[in-house]
Protein backbone atom coordinates (compact mmCIF):
# COMPACT_ATOMS: atom_id res chain seq x y z
CA MET A 1 20.33 -27.35 -8.95
CA ILE A 2 19.30 -30.65 -10.50
CA ASP A 3 18.36 -30.56 -14.19
CA GLY A 4 14.63 -30.21 -14.72
CA GLU A 5 13.90 -28.78 -11.27
CA ALA A 6 12.93 -25.18 -10.78
CA ASP A 7 14.88 -23.14 -8.29
CA VAL A 8 12.32 -22.42 -5.57
CA ARG A 9 14.29 -19.43 -4.32
CA GLU A 10 14.09 -17.72 -7.68
CA ASN A 11 12.14 -14.50 -7.34
CA PRO A 12 9.79 -13.76 -10.26
CA ASP A 13 10.07 -10.07 -9.37
CA GLU A 14 13.32 -8.59 -10.63
CA ARG A 15 13.67 -6.14 -7.74
CA SER A 16 15.76 -6.73 -4.65
CA ALA A 17 14.22 -8.00 -1.42
CA LEU A 18 14.91 -4.62 0.19
CA SER A 19 13.02 -2.84 -2.56
CA ILE A 20 10.03 -5.14 -2.21
CA GLY A 21 10.09 -4.76 1.58
CA MET A 22 10.21 -0.98 1.32
CA GLU A 23 7.25 -1.02 -1.07
CA TRP A 24 5.19 -3.12 1.35
CA GLY A 25 6.22 -0.93 4.27
CA THR A 26 5.04 2.09 2.34
CA ARG A 27 1.73 0.42 1.50
CA VAL A 28 1.04 -0.56 5.11
CA THR A 29 1.99 2.89 6.39
CA THR A 30 -0.20 4.60 3.80
CA ILE A 31 -3.22 2.48 4.65
CA GLY A 32 -2.69 3.05 8.37
CA MET A 33 -2.48 6.79 7.86
CA GLU A 34 -5.61 6.74 5.71
CA PHE A 35 -7.49 5.17 8.62
CA ALA A 36 -6.05 7.39 11.38
CA LEU A 37 -5.45 10.87 9.98
CA PRO A 38 -9.04 11.91 9.19
CA ALA A 39 -10.13 11.06 12.75
CA LEU A 40 -7.14 12.88 14.25
CA LEU A 41 -7.75 15.93 12.10
CA GLY A 42 -11.43 15.83 13.09
CA PHE A 43 -10.42 15.69 16.74
CA GLY A 44 -8.22 18.76 16.27
CA VAL A 45 -10.99 20.66 14.50
CA ASP A 46 -13.42 19.67 17.26
CA ARG A 47 -11.12 21.06 19.94
CA TRP A 48 -10.59 24.25 17.94
CA LEU A 49 -14.29 24.86 17.20
CA GLY A 50 -15.72 23.26 20.35
CA THR A 51 -17.97 20.92 18.37
CA THR A 52 -16.95 17.72 20.14
CA PRO A 53 -17.42 14.90 18.95
CA TRP A 54 -19.11 15.54 15.61
CA VAL A 55 -16.18 16.37 13.32
CA ALA A 56 -14.04 13.62 14.86
CA MET A 57 -16.82 11.10 14.22
CA ALA A 58 -17.19 12.29 10.64
CA GLY A 59 -13.41 12.02 10.22
CA ALA A 60 -13.41 8.49 11.64
CA ILE A 61 -16.15 7.44 9.23
CA ALA A 62 -14.31 9.05 6.32
CA GLY A 63 -11.05 7.38 7.40
CA VAL A 64 -12.65 3.94 7.50
CA ALA A 65 -14.22 4.50 4.08
CA ILE A 66 -10.95 5.71 2.53
CA GLY A 67 -8.84 3.01 4.17
CA MET A 68 -11.20 0.16 3.28
CA THR A 69 -11.41 1.37 -0.31
CA HIS A 70 -7.62 1.14 -0.51
CA VAL A 71 -7.56 -2.29 1.16
CA LEU A 72 -10.21 -3.64 -1.20
CA ARG A 73 -8.39 -2.31 -4.29
CA LEU A 74 -5.05 -3.79 -3.22
CA PRO A 75 -5.57 -7.34 -4.62
CA ALA A 76 -6.45 -6.00 -8.07
CA GLU A 77 -3.42 -3.72 -7.98
CA LEU A 78 -1.17 -6.65 -7.01
CA ALA A 79 -2.61 -8.81 -9.80
CA ARG A 80 -1.91 -6.08 -12.37
CA GLY A 81 1.65 -5.74 -11.08
CA ALA A 82 2.22 -9.50 -11.24
CA ARG A 83 1.07 -9.61 -14.86
CA GLY A 84 3.43 -6.80 -15.74
CA ASP A 85 0.81 -4.43 -17.13
CA GLY A 86 0.25 -2.33 -14.01
CA PRO A 87 1.43 1.22 -13.44
CA ALA A 88 4.32 -0.04 -11.29
CA ARG A 89 5.88 -1.82 -14.25
CA LYS A 90 5.20 0.99 -16.70
CA ALA A 91 6.76 3.54 -14.36
CA GLY A 92 10.10 1.76 -14.58
CA ARG A 93 10.09 -0.24 -11.36
CA GLY A 94 11.19 -3.80 -11.81
CA GLY A 95 12.79 -3.16 -15.15
CA GLY A 96 16.34 -2.70 -13.93
CA PRO A 97 19.18 -5.15 -14.28
CA LYS A 98 18.80 -8.36 -12.33
CA ALA A 99 21.30 -8.85 -9.52
CA GLU A 100 23.14 -12.14 -9.75
């Protein structure tokens, strides 16, 4: 590296790339499940009670509301984590030794 130039590859997050990837995979999976599970559970209840399609529709609406709430809160959560004052930092993630 030339003196005075910042290393572009330097990661401001102290965690490994695998750890960051696993966190994002978990986030995406959680949001997907929040959208899908209420509708699937509603479909199962509809088949069991014979109330097709009312509980499934209610589950789909609830799933969209829950999933979109999570999606809309995600930027604020990421901003808190980047500043270092979010729950992710306080819980001990990112505070380990930096790999060289």
